[in-house]
Amino acid sequence: MFREVANLAEKNFTEVTAHDREEIRSAQVMLGVSIIYLGFAYFLPKYLLIVIIMGLLLRTTVTQIARLINRVPRIHH
């Protein structure tokens, strides 16, 4: 859905911000991680919680590194 919104914005000559690109990338990563979770849930259910915690830590680490590299400002809600 994020990708569609970004594509529509570009067609209407609206700028896609760094935050928008980060959200698109984050959604793609979470889709991949969710597929891994499903695989673990089916084949190795007793290790699922460990994999979920590792996934959360990985996502947090990757997001922080991406923000440092791209200097994407944090948005406070």
C-alpha atoms as a PDB file:
ATOM      1  CA  MET A   1       0.000   0.000   0.000  1.00  0.00           C
ATOM      2  CA  PHE A   2       2.865   2.375   0.796  1.00  0.00           C
ATOM      3  CA  ARG A   3       4.347   1.722  -2.629  1.00  0.00           C
ATOM      4  CA  GLU A   4       1.043   2.559  -4.325  1.00  0.00           C
ATOM      5  CA  VAL A   5       0.774   5.831  -2.435  1.00  0.00           C
ATOM      6  CA  ALA A   6       4.349   6.719  -3.376  1.00  0.00           C
ATOM      7  CA  ASN A   7       3.689   5.876  -7.029  1.00  0.00           C
ATOM      8  CA  LEU A   8       0.554   8.042  -7.026  1.00  0.00           C
ATOM      9  CA  ALA A   9       2.469  10.882  -5.397  1.00  0.00           C
ATOM     10  CA  GLU A  10       5.178  10.722  -8.058  1.00  0.00           C
ATOM     11  CA  LYS A  11       2.566  10.689 -10.845  1.00  0.00           C
ATOM     12  CA  ASN A  12       1.035  13.844  -9.354  1.00  0.00           C
ATOM     13  CA  PHE A  13       4.498  15.443  -9.078  1.00  0.00           C
ATOM     14  CA  THR A  14       4.373  15.341  -5.282  1.00  0.00           C
ATOM     15  CA  GLU A  15       7.668  14.773  -3.514  1.00  0.00           C
ATOM     16  CA  VAL A  16       8.133  11.461  -1.716  1.00  0.00           C
ATOM     17  CA  THR A  17       9.940  12.271   1.532  1.00  0.00           C
ATOM     18  CA  ALA A  18      12.748  10.315   3.143  1.00  0.00           C
ATOM     19  CA  HIS A  19      10.287   9.283   5.834  1.00  0.00           C
ATOM     20  CA  ASP A  20       7.933   7.895   3.183  1.00  0.00           C
ATOM     21  CA  ARG A  21      10.773   5.888   1.635  1.00  0.00           C
ATOM     22  CA  GLU A  22      11.693   4.579   5.090  1.00  0.00           C
ATOM     23  CA  GLU A  23       8.095   3.474   5.655  1.00  0.00           C
ATOM     24  CA  ILE A  24       8.026   1.662   2.303  1.00  0.00           C
ATOM     25  CA  ARG A  25      11.313  -0.109   3.084  1.00  0.00           C
ATOM     26  CA  SER A  26      10.083  -0.987   6.565  1.00  0.00           C
ATOM     27  CA  ALA A  27       6.865  -2.487   5.190  1.00  0.00           C
ATOM     28  CA  GLN A  28       8.839  -4.613   2.730  1.00  0.00           C
ATOM     29  CA  VAL A  29      11.144  -5.876   5.467  1.00  0.00           C
ATOM     30  CA  MET A  30       8.223  -6.685   7.750  1.00  0.00           C
ATOM     31  CA  LEU A  31       6.534  -8.669   4.969  1.00  0.00           C
ATOM     32  CA  GLY A  32       9.669 -10.775   4.579  1.00  0.00           C
ATOM     33  CA  VAL A  33      10.046 -11.221   8.328  1.00  0.00           C
ATOM     34  CA  SER A  34       6.390 -12.250   8.639  1.00  0.00           C
ATOM     35  CA  ILE A  35       6.932 -14.996   6.074  1.00  0.00           C
ATOM     36  CA  ILE A  36       9.889 -16.246   8.117  1.00  0.00           C
ATOM     37  CA  TYR A  37       7.716 -16.186  11.256  1.00  0.00           C
ATOM     38  CA  LEU A  38       5.088 -18.306   9.514  1.00  0.00           C
ATOM     39  CA  GLY A  39       7.723 -20.833   8.497  1.00  0.00           C
ATOM     40  CA  PHE A  40       9.046 -21.093  12.037  1.00  0.00           C
ATOM     41  CA  ALA A  41       5.534 -21.288  13.473  1.00  0.00           C
ATOM     42  CA  TYR A  42       4.770 -24.237  11.228  1.00  0.00           C
ATOM     43  CA  PHE A  43       8.041 -26.190  11.349  1.00  0.00           C
ATOM     44  CA  LEU A  44       9.676 -25.147  14.648  1.00  0.00           C
ATOM     45  CA  PRO A  45       6.977 -23.633  16.873  1.00  0.00           C
ATOM     46  CA  LYS A  46       8.981 -23.909  20.087  1.00  0.00           C
ATOM     47  CA  TYR A  47      11.580 -21.477  18.665  1.00  0.00           C
ATOM     48  CA  LEU A  48       9.081 -18.919  17.373  1.00  0.00           C
ATOM     49  CA  LEU A  49       9.359 -16.518  20.329  1.00  0.00           C
ATOM     50  CA  ILE A  50      13.148 -16.421  19.972  1.00  0.00           C
ATOM     51  CA  VAL A  51      12.826 -15.679  16.252  1.00  0.00           C
ATOM     52  CA  ILE A  52      10.260 -12.921  16.903  1.00  0.00           C
ATOM     53  CA  ILE A  53      12.557 -11.242  19.445  1.00  0.00           C
ATOM     54  CA  MET A  54      15.497 -11.502  17.039  1.00  0.00           C
ATOM     55  CA  GLY A  55      13.338 -10.002  14.275  1.00  0.00           C
ATOM     56  CA  LEU A  56      12.350  -7.056  16.455  1.00  0.00           C
ATOM     57  CA  LEU A  57      15.949  -6.419  17.438  1.00  0.00           C
ATOM     58  CA  LEU A  58      17.062  -6.671  13.816  1.00  0.00           C
ATOM     59  CA  ARG A  59      14.367  -4.245  12.656  1.00  0.00           C
ATOM     60  CA  THR A  60      15.288  -1.742  15.356  1.00  0.00           C
ATOM     61  CA  THR A  61      18.983  -2.004  14.526  1.00  0.00           C
ATOM     62  CA  VAL A  62      18.469  -1.686  10.768  1.00  0.00           C
ATOM     63  CA  THR A  63      16.142   1.289  11.233  1.00  0.00           C
ATOM     64  CA  GLN A  64      18.633   3.096  13.465  1.00  0.00           C
ATOM     65  CA  ILE A  65      21.500   2.444  11.034  1.00  0.00           C
ATOM     66  CA  ALA A  66      19.389   3.624   8.088  1.00  0.00           C
ATOM     67  CA  ARG A  67      18.505   6.807   9.972  1.00  0.00           C
ATOM     68  CA  LEU A  68      22.156   7.465  10.716  1.00  0.00           C
ATOM     69  CA  ILE A  69      23.173   6.866   7.109  1.00  0.00           C
ATOM     70  CA  ASN A  70      20.291   8.789   5.542  1.00  0.00           C
ATOM     71  CA  ARG A  71      19.925  11.289   8.355  1.00  0.00           C
ATOM     72  CA  VAL A  72      16.185  10.762   8.427  1.00  0.00           C
ATOM     73  CA  PRO A  73      14.706  12.848  11.227  1.00  0.00           C
ATOM     74  CA  ARG A  74      12.700  11.051  13.875  1.00  0.00           C
ATOM     75  CA  ILE A  75       9.023  11.824  13.890  1.00  0.00           C
ATOM     76  CA  HIS A  76       7.513  12.128  17.345  1.00  0.00           C
ATOM     77  CA  HIS A  77       3.854  11.296  17.710  1.00  0.00           C
END
